[in-house]
Amino acid sequence: MVVTRLNDHMPLKNTDGWSVYRITNSILESATYVAKNEILGLCWMVDCGDEKPVLELTDGLNLKYILLTHAHFDHIYGLNDILEAHRETHVVTNDIGKEMLLDERKNMSKYHDAPFVIAHPERVSVIENGSFVDLAEGLMMKAVFTPGHNPSCITWVSNNIILQAMLISRILRPYLISLAETSIWQRNQ
């Protein structure tokens, strides 16, 4: 197993045109990940904090989905601005995550003096444990519910990667873990 921690300045790229970017957010240093393929004109992301760098990375692309690892404030506060800019985008979470998106106390935004409630609840897709999301041309991501840190926690799994939130040094950060024996991702030089 190869564990790769992305940094903000060096995206991972593969031979099919996909690049994965990590953004360190201003609130609690949580992370947002954007995967984009300019050849296909598609992108998807994991969690949503600071909206400005996300909007720069996704400009002109079809942002299909925002996968949530969980619905705490530091992982969701940019959603409304992103959904306003990308009118076809859906947020994917479980039923507990949707409840949290609709309640400033449950998502803990009230306690950050920045109350957040999702502006487009009709664009939140509730997924069941073990279900798949087709991100792009057969790139399937499986939702594995992993409550612990929070009841809304989801680990996203495909053939090559696991995306999850892990508690490291008391700061929650998503990590990208490559499971392939030979990683398809290569660091951009």
Protein backbone atom coordinates (compact mmCIF):
# COMPACT_ATOMS: atom_id res chain seq x y z
CA MET A 1 0.00 0.00 0.00
CA VAL A 2 1.24 3.47 -0.90
CA VAL A 3 0.04 6.41 1.20
CA THR A 4 0.29 9.76 -0.52
CA ARG A 5 -0.42 13.01 1.25
CA LEU A 6 -1.08 15.79 -1.21
CA ASN A 7 0.22 19.26 -0.56
CA ASP A 8 -1.22 22.54 -1.77
CA HIS A 9 1.46 23.17 -4.36
CA MET A 10 1.90 19.84 -6.12
CA PRO A 11 -1.12 18.10 -7.66
CA LEU A 12 -1.11 14.42 -8.48
CA LYS A 13 -1.63 13.56 -12.15
CA ASN A 14 -2.34 10.35 -14.02
CA THR A 15 -2.03 9.32 -17.65
CA ASP A 16 -5.76 9.73 -18.37
CA GLY A 17 -5.65 13.49 -17.87
CA TRP A 18 -6.87 13.61 -14.27
CA SER A 19 -5.22 15.93 -11.77
CA VAL A 20 -6.03 16.02 -8.04
CA TYR A 21 -5.47 19.23 -6.10
CA ARG A 22 -5.48 19.70 -2.33
CA ILE A 23 -6.60 23.01 -0.85
CA THR A 24 -5.89 23.77 2.80
CA ASN A 25 -8.90 25.74 4.03
CA SER A 26 -8.74 28.78 6.28
CA ILE A 27 -11.05 27.30 8.93
CA LEU A 28 -9.36 24.67 11.11
CA GLU A 29 -6.99 23.82 8.23
CA SER A 30 -9.44 21.27 6.88
CA ALA A 31 -8.84 20.14 3.30
CA THR A 32 -10.80 20.25 0.08
CA TYR A 33 -9.82 18.04 -2.86
CA VAL A 34 -10.61 18.86 -6.48
CA ALA A 35 -10.13 16.24 -9.22
CA LYS A 36 -10.33 17.64 -12.71
CA ASN A 37 -9.88 16.50 -16.27
CA GLU A 38 -9.66 19.37 -18.72
CA ILE A 39 -9.71 16.98 -21.69
CA LEU A 40 -13.16 15.71 -20.65
CA GLY A 41 -14.24 19.08 -19.24
CA LEU A 42 -15.22 17.39 -15.97
CA CYS A 43 -14.37 17.72 -12.32
CA TRP A 44 -15.54 16.50 -8.92
CA MET A 45 -14.50 17.30 -5.41
CA VAL A 46 -14.35 16.07 -1.83
CA ASP A 47 -15.53 18.39 0.94
CA CYS A 48 -15.91 22.14 0.44
CA GLY A 49 -14.21 24.85 2.42
CA ASP A 50 -12.69 28.00 0.90
CA GLU A 51 -14.61 28.70 -2.29
CA LYS A 52 -12.20 31.04 -4.13
CA PRO A 53 -9.51 28.43 -4.98
CA VAL A 54 -12.21 25.90 -5.85
CA LEU A 55 -13.87 28.33 -8.25
CA GLU A 56 -10.50 29.03 -9.89
CA LEU A 57 -9.80 25.31 -10.36
CA THR A 58 -13.29 24.47 -11.64
CA ASP A 59 -13.84 27.48 -13.90
CA GLY A 60 -15.21 26.35 -17.26
CA LEU A 61 -15.57 22.71 -16.16
CA ASN A 62 -18.66 20.62 -15.39
CA LEU A 63 -18.52 20.01 -11.63
CA LYS A 64 -20.71 16.92 -11.27
CA TYR A 65 -20.47 16.04 -7.60
CA ILE A 66 -19.19 17.19 -4.24
CA LEU A 67 -18.64 14.13 -2.05
CA LEU A 68 -18.72 14.83 1.67
CA THR A 69 -16.58 12.89 4.12
CA HIS A 70 -18.82 14.33 6.85
CA ALA A 71 -20.94 17.42 7.45
CA HIS A 72 -19.03 19.42 10.05
CA PHE A 73 -18.80 23.15 9.33
CA ASP A 74 -15.13 23.16 8.31
CA HIS A 75 -15.91 20.65 5.53
CA ILE A 76 -19.06 22.36 4.16
CA TYR A 77 -18.90 26.15 4.57
CA GLY A 78 -18.15 26.87 0.89
CA LEU A 79 -20.99 24.76 -0.49
CA ASN A 80 -23.52 27.55 -1.11
CA ASP A 81 -21.10 29.64 -3.19
CA ILE A 82 -19.97 26.61 -5.20
CA LEU A 83 -23.56 25.47 -5.82
CA GLU A 84 -24.45 28.99 -6.95
CA ALA A 85 -21.58 29.01 -9.47
CA HIS A 86 -22.18 25.42 -10.66
CA ARG A 87 -25.94 25.06 -11.02
CA GLU A 88 -25.95 21.37 -11.99
CA THR A 89 -23.73 20.16 -9.15
CA HIS A 90 -25.03 17.77 -6.49
CA VAL A 91 -23.71 17.26 -2.98
CA VAL A 92 -23.54 13.58 -2.00
CA THR A 93 -23.88 12.51 1.63
CA ASN A 94 -25.95 10.18 3.80
CA ASP A 95 -29.26 10.98 5.53
CA ILE A 96 -27.50 12.18 8.70
CA GLY A 97 -25.26 14.42 6.60
CA LYS A 98 -28.31 16.00 4.93
CA GLU A 99 -29.85 16.65 8.37
CA MET A 100 -26.62 18.36 9.40
CA LEU A 101 -26.56 20.51 6.26
CA LEU A 102 -29.99 21.81 7.24
CA ASP A 103 -29.16 22.61 10.88
CA GLU A 104 -26.53 25.14 12.01
CA ARG A 105 -26.30 23.47 15.41
CA LYS A 106 -25.78 19.95 14.07
CA ASN A 107 -23.10 21.06 11.58
CA MET A 108 -21.54 23.21 14.34
CA SER A 109 -21.43 26.42 12.25
CA LYS A 110 -23.46 28.27 14.88
CA TYR A 111 -20.54 27.90 17.28
CA HIS A 112 -18.11 29.44 14.76
CA ASP A 113 -20.19 32.63 14.55
CA ALA A 114 -20.90 31.82 10.91
CA PRO A 115 -24.29 30.04 10.77
CA PHE A 116 -24.49 27.79 7.72
CA VAL A 117 -27.54 26.07 6.23
CA ILE A 118 -27.47 24.64 2.71
CA ALA A 119 -29.25 26.99 0.30
CA HIS A 120 -30.19 24.26 -2.20
CA PRO A 121 -31.37 21.18 -0.25
CA GLU A 122 -32.94 19.86 -3.46
CA ARG A 123 -29.39 19.38 -4.80
CA VAL A 124 -28.31 17.15 -1.92
CA SER A 125 -28.30 13.50 -2.99
CA VAL A 126 -28.67 11.05 -0.13
CA ILE A 127 -26.71 7.85 -0.68
CA GLU A 128 -27.04 4.48 1.03
CA ASN A 129 -24.16 2.54 2.53
CA GLY A 130 -22.49 0.49 -0.21
CA SER A 131 -23.95 2.55 -3.07
CA PHE A 132 -21.87 3.87 -5.95
CA VAL A 133 -21.52 7.31 -7.55
CA ASP A 134 -20.42 7.47 -11.20
CA LEU A 135 -18.04 10.44 -11.12
CA ALA A 136 -16.91 10.40 -14.74
CA GLU A 137 -16.92 7.87 -17.58
CA GLY A 138 -17.07 4.80 -15.36
CA LEU A 139 -14.96 6.16 -12.50
CA MET A 140 -17.08 4.70 -9.70
CA MET A 141 -16.78 5.71 -6.06
CA LYS A 142 -18.35 3.52 -3.37
CA ALA A 143 -19.78 5.03 -0.18
CA VAL A 144 -18.78 3.13 2.96
CA PHE A 145 -20.37 4.58 6.08
CA THR A 146 -17.78 4.96 8.83
CA PRO A 147 -19.43 6.75 11.75
CA GLY A 148 -17.07 7.48 14.59
CA HIS A 149 -15.77 11.02 14.56
CA ASN A 150 -19.27 11.98 13.42
CA PRO A 151 -22.39 9.95 12.52
CA SER A 152 -22.32 11.38 8.97
CA CYS A 153 -18.80 10.08 8.17
CA ILE A 154 -18.37 8.38 4.80
CA THR A 155 -15.23 6.79 3.40
CA TRP A 156 -15.21 6.95 -0.40
CA VAL A 157 -13.59 3.93 -2.09
CA SER A 158 -12.70 3.08 -5.69
CA ASN A 159 -10.29 0.56 -7.19
CA ASN A 160 -7.37 2.93 -6.75
CA ILE A 161 -8.16 5.29 -3.90
CA ILE A 162 -9.71 5.75 -0.49
CA LEU A 163 -10.88 9.20 0.55
CA GLN A 164 -11.70 9.65 4.19
CA ALA A 165 -11.33 12.04 7.10
CA MET A 166 -8.80 11.08 9.76
CA LEU A 167 -8.09 12.70 13.10
CA ILE A 168 -4.43 13.74 13.07
CA SER A 169 -2.99 16.00 15.77
CA ARG A 170 -6.50 17.10 16.74
CA ILE A 171 -7.10 18.56 13.26
CA LEU A 172 -9.38 16.75 10.84
CA ARG A 173 -7.79 16.37 7.39
CA PRO A 174 -8.87 14.21 4.45
CA TYR A 175 -6.14 12.01 3.07
CA LEU A 176 -5.76 10.32 -0.27
CA ILE A 177 -4.52 6.76 0.01
CA SER A 178 -3.57 4.83 -3.10
CA LEU A 179 -4.29 1.12 -2.85
CA ALA A 180 -3.01 0.05 -6.22
CA GLU A 181 0.17 -2.05 -6.17
CA THR A 182 1.53 0.34 -8.77
CA SER A 183 0.01 3.75 -8.31
CA ILE A 184 -1.47 5.31 -11.45
CA TRP A 185 -0.86 8.74 -9.96
CA GLN A 186 2.44 10.46 -10.61
CA ARG A 187 3.59 13.66 -8.96
CA ASN A 188 3.63 16.61 -11.32
CA GLN A 189 7.27 17.60 -11.77
